[in-house]
Amino acid sequence: MYKKFGNAIDKSVRESEIVNCRAKASVYSRHPNFHCKIDCGYLNNTSFMEDIF
């Protein structure tokens, strides 16, 4: 099971464009006191939850 999941992740990363949506030190719109400590992004044509706070 884990091998199939790992293979699916590898394939998604290989075949998708990485989109940088928040640069390091940028501020979250809903949380102005929270600054990103790293560049944040996602794989294009995938789904994700942006604000988990």
C-alpha atoms as a PDB file:
ATOM      1  CA  MET A   1       0.000   0.000   0.000  1.00  0.00           C
ATOM      2  CA  TYR A   2       2.722   2.510   0.974  1.00  0.00           C
ATOM      3  CA  LYS A   3       4.733   1.725  -2.151  1.00  0.00           C
ATOM      4  CA  LYS A   4       1.727   2.530  -4.399  1.00  0.00           C
ATOM      5  CA  PHE A   5       1.200   5.802  -2.534  1.00  0.00           C
ATOM      6  CA  GLY A   6       4.884   6.708  -2.827  1.00  0.00           C
ATOM      7  CA  ASN A   7       4.852   5.908  -6.549  1.00  0.00           C
ATOM      8  CA  ALA A   8       1.756   8.094  -7.033  1.00  0.00           C
ATOM      9  CA  ILE A   9       3.427  11.009  -5.200  1.00  0.00           C
ATOM     10  CA  ASP A  10       6.609  10.606  -7.270  1.00  0.00           C
ATOM     11  CA  LYS A  11       4.588  10.617 -10.489  1.00  0.00           C
ATOM     12  CA  SER A  12       2.624  13.729  -9.470  1.00  0.00           C
ATOM     13  CA  VAL A  13       5.792  15.644  -8.633  1.00  0.00           C
ATOM     14  CA  ARG A  14       7.495  14.595 -11.883  1.00  0.00           C
ATOM     15  CA  GLU A  15       4.533  15.499 -14.086  1.00  0.00           C
ATOM     16  CA  SER A  16       3.266  18.691 -12.419  1.00  0.00           C
ATOM     17  CA  GLU A  17       4.426  22.283 -12.398  1.00  0.00           C
ATOM     18  CA  ILE A  18       5.417  23.614  -8.963  1.00  0.00           C
ATOM     19  CA  VAL A  19       3.675  26.930  -8.227  1.00  0.00           C
ATOM     20  CA  ASN A  20       5.146  29.211  -5.547  1.00  0.00           C
ATOM     21  CA  CYS A  21       2.109  30.846  -3.934  1.00  0.00           C
ATOM     22  CA  ARG A  22       3.738  32.408  -0.865  1.00  0.00           C
ATOM     23  CA  ALA A  23       7.283  33.683  -0.783  1.00  0.00           C
ATOM     24  CA  LYS A  24       9.405  33.351   2.331  1.00  0.00           C
ATOM     25  CA  ALA A  25       8.595  36.126   4.841  1.00  0.00           C
ATOM     26  CA  SER A  26       5.228  36.930   3.229  1.00  0.00           C
ATOM     27  CA  VAL A  27       2.183  37.485   5.454  1.00  0.00           C
ATOM     28  CA  TYR A  28      -0.989  35.411   5.538  1.00  0.00           C
ATOM     29  CA  SER A  29      -4.016  37.559   4.707  1.00  0.00           C
ATOM     30  CA  ARG A  30      -6.164  36.140   7.506  1.00  0.00           C
ATOM     31  CA  HIS A  31      -3.304  36.090  10.020  1.00  0.00           C
ATOM     32  CA  PRO A  32      -1.247  39.291   9.638  1.00  0.00           C
ATOM     33  CA  ASN A  33       1.052  38.379  12.543  1.00  0.00           C
ATOM     34  CA  PHE A  34       2.059  35.091  10.895  1.00  0.00           C
ATOM     35  CA  HIS A  35       4.973  35.233   8.455  1.00  0.00           C
ATOM     36  CA  CYS A  36       5.943  32.271   6.274  1.00  0.00           C
ATOM     37  CA  LYS A  37       9.346  30.930   7.304  1.00  0.00           C
ATOM     38  CA  ILE A  38       9.776  29.056   4.011  1.00  0.00           C
ATOM     39  CA  ASP A  39       8.588  29.410   0.408  1.00  0.00           C
ATOM     40  CA  CYS A  40       5.176  27.736   0.149  1.00  0.00           C
ATOM     41  CA  GLY A  41       3.666  26.258  -2.956  1.00  0.00           C
ATOM     42  CA  TYR A  42       1.692  23.483  -4.512  1.00  0.00           C
ATOM     43  CA  LEU A  43       1.583  21.239  -7.547  1.00  0.00           C
ATOM     44  CA  ASN A  44      -0.473  22.767 -10.369  1.00  0.00           C
ATOM     45  CA  ASN A  45      -3.711  20.911 -11.213  1.00  0.00           C
ATOM     46  CA  THR A  46      -3.972  19.443  -7.719  1.00  0.00           C
ATOM     47  CA  SER A  47      -6.121  20.317  -4.691  1.00  0.00           C
ATOM     48  CA  PHE A  48      -4.914  21.605  -1.337  1.00  0.00           C
ATOM     49  CA  MET A  49      -6.045  23.391   1.814  1.00  0.00           C
ATOM     50  CA  GLU A  50      -4.345  26.759   2.021  1.00  0.00           C
ATOM     51  CA  ASP A  51      -5.228  28.129   5.454  1.00  0.00           C
ATOM     52  CA  ILE A  52      -5.254  25.477   8.138  1.00  0.00           C
ATOM     53  CA  PHE A  53      -5.242  27.858  11.084  1.00  0.00           C
END
